[in-house]
């Protein structure tokens, strides 16, 4: 039933079942850009060397989204 549901959901779409992986990665990229670049969010003011790295911020954001 799950297989039929997934195939039926993405049957008419452009990327098909690949949207299952593309959509969360795209959301993560947008959130990382908005919060990390535009708003310049700093999570910890004492130890900034870890959170200045955009990859570390994206990883932390990803775990929060999960």
C-alpha atoms as a PDB file:
ATOM      1  CA  UNK A   1       0.000   0.000   0.000  1.00  0.00           C
ATOM      2  CA  UNK A   2       2.869   2.388   0.752  1.00  0.00           C
ATOM      3  CA  UNK A   3       4.506   1.723  -2.595  1.00  0.00           C
ATOM      4  CA  UNK A   4       1.243   2.379  -4.414  1.00  0.00           C
ATOM      5  CA  UNK A   5       0.689   5.604  -2.428  1.00  0.00           C
ATOM      6  CA  UNK A   6       4.172   6.948  -3.197  1.00  0.00           C
ATOM      7  CA  UNK A   7       3.978   6.072  -6.879  1.00  0.00           C
ATOM      8  CA  UNK A   8       0.480   7.545  -7.154  1.00  0.00           C
ATOM      9  CA  UNK A   9       1.489  10.761  -5.424  1.00  0.00           C
ATOM     10  CA  UNK A  10       4.351  11.571  -7.793  1.00  0.00           C
ATOM     11  CA  UNK A  11       3.015  10.020 -10.993  1.00  0.00           C
ATOM     12  CA  UNK A  12       2.342  13.237 -12.931  1.00  0.00           C
ATOM     13  CA  UNK A  13       5.170  15.338 -11.534  1.00  0.00           C
ATOM     14  CA  UNK A  14       8.256  16.425 -13.442  1.00  0.00           C
ATOM     15  CA  UNK A  15      10.889  14.716 -11.280  1.00  0.00           C
ATOM     16  CA  UNK A  16       8.707  11.871 -10.055  1.00  0.00           C
ATOM     17  CA  UNK A  17       9.813  10.135  -6.887  1.00  0.00           C
ATOM     18  CA  UNK A  18      12.983  12.249  -6.812  1.00  0.00           C
ATOM     19  CA  UNK A  19      10.841  15.038  -5.294  1.00  0.00           C
ATOM     20  CA  UNK A  20      10.907  13.034  -2.052  1.00  0.00           C
ATOM     21  CA  UNK A  21      14.601  13.913  -1.706  1.00  0.00           C
ATOM     22  CA  UNK A  22      14.777  17.220  -3.573  1.00  0.00           C
ATOM     23  CA  UNK A  23      12.077  18.990  -1.563  1.00  0.00           C
ATOM     24  CA  UNK A  24      13.711  18.657   1.910  1.00  0.00           C
ATOM     25  CA  UNK A  25      17.150  19.550   0.537  1.00  0.00           C
ATOM     26  CA  UNK A  26      15.707  22.609  -1.177  1.00  0.00           C
ATOM     27  CA  UNK A  27      13.932  23.655   2.033  1.00  0.00           C
ATOM     28  CA  UNK A  28      17.181  23.237   3.969  1.00  0.00           C
ATOM     29  CA  UNK A  29      19.059  25.391   1.470  1.00  0.00           C
ATOM     30  CA  UNK A  30      16.431  28.140   1.659  1.00  0.00           C
ATOM     31  CA  UNK A  31      16.326  28.087   5.477  1.00  0.00           C
ATOM     32  CA  UNK A  32      20.122  28.128   5.673  1.00  0.00           C
ATOM     33  CA  UNK A  33      20.298  31.107   3.343  1.00  0.00           C
ATOM     34  CA  UNK A  34      17.524  33.069   5.056  1.00  0.00           C
ATOM     35  CA  UNK A  35      18.587  32.469   8.652  1.00  0.00           C
ATOM     36  CA  UNK A  36      22.334  32.195   8.142  1.00  0.00           C
ATOM     37  CA  UNK A  37      22.966  34.899   5.550  1.00  0.00           C
ATOM     38  CA  UNK A  38      20.048  37.334   5.574  1.00  0.00           C
ATOM     39  CA  UNK A  39      19.245  37.378   9.313  1.00  0.00           C
ATOM     40  CA  UNK A  40      22.803  36.435  10.401  1.00  0.00           C
ATOM     41  CA  UNK A  41      21.581  34.185  13.210  1.00  0.00           C
ATOM     42  CA  UNK A  42      24.213  33.387  15.814  1.00  0.00           C
ATOM     43  CA  UNK A  43      23.304  30.525  18.110  1.00  0.00           C
ATOM     44  CA  UNK A  44      25.962  30.926  20.771  1.00  0.00           C
ATOM     45  CA  UNK A  45      27.672  34.235  21.418  1.00  0.00           C
ATOM     46  CA  UNK A  46      30.516  32.702  23.471  1.00  0.00           C
ATOM     47  CA  UNK A  47      31.844  30.107  21.037  1.00  0.00           C
ATOM     48  CA  UNK A  48      31.404  31.658  17.596  1.00  0.00           C
ATOM     49  CA  UNK A  49      34.103  29.619  15.874  1.00  0.00           C
ATOM     50  CA  UNK A  50      31.806  26.589  15.517  1.00  0.00           C
ATOM     51  CA  UNK A  51      28.733  28.437  14.295  1.00  0.00           C
ATOM     52  CA  UNK A  52      30.450  30.804  11.873  1.00  0.00           C
ATOM     53  CA  UNK A  53      30.808  27.882   9.492  1.00  0.00           C
ATOM     54  CA  UNK A  54      27.753  27.723   7.194  1.00  0.00           C
ATOM     55  CA  UNK A  55      27.978  23.936   6.939  1.00  0.00           C
ATOM     56  CA  UNK A  56      27.815  23.526  10.713  1.00  0.00           C
ATOM     57  CA  UNK A  57      24.823  25.873  10.828  1.00  0.00           C
ATOM     58  CA  UNK A  58      23.094  23.919   8.032  1.00  0.00           C
ATOM     59  CA  UNK A  59      23.754  20.644   9.834  1.00  0.00           C
ATOM     60  CA  UNK A  60      22.322  22.000  13.063  1.00  0.00           C
ATOM     61  CA  UNK A  61      19.309  23.354  11.188  1.00  0.00           C
ATOM     62  CA  UNK A  62      18.815  20.005   9.463  1.00  0.00           C
ATOM     63  CA  UNK A  63      18.748  18.134  12.764  1.00  0.00           C
ATOM     64  CA  UNK A  64      16.217  20.636  14.053  1.00  0.00           C
ATOM     65  CA  UNK A  65      13.996  20.125  11.005  1.00  0.00           C
ATOM     66  CA  UNK A  66      14.097  16.366  11.386  1.00  0.00           C
END
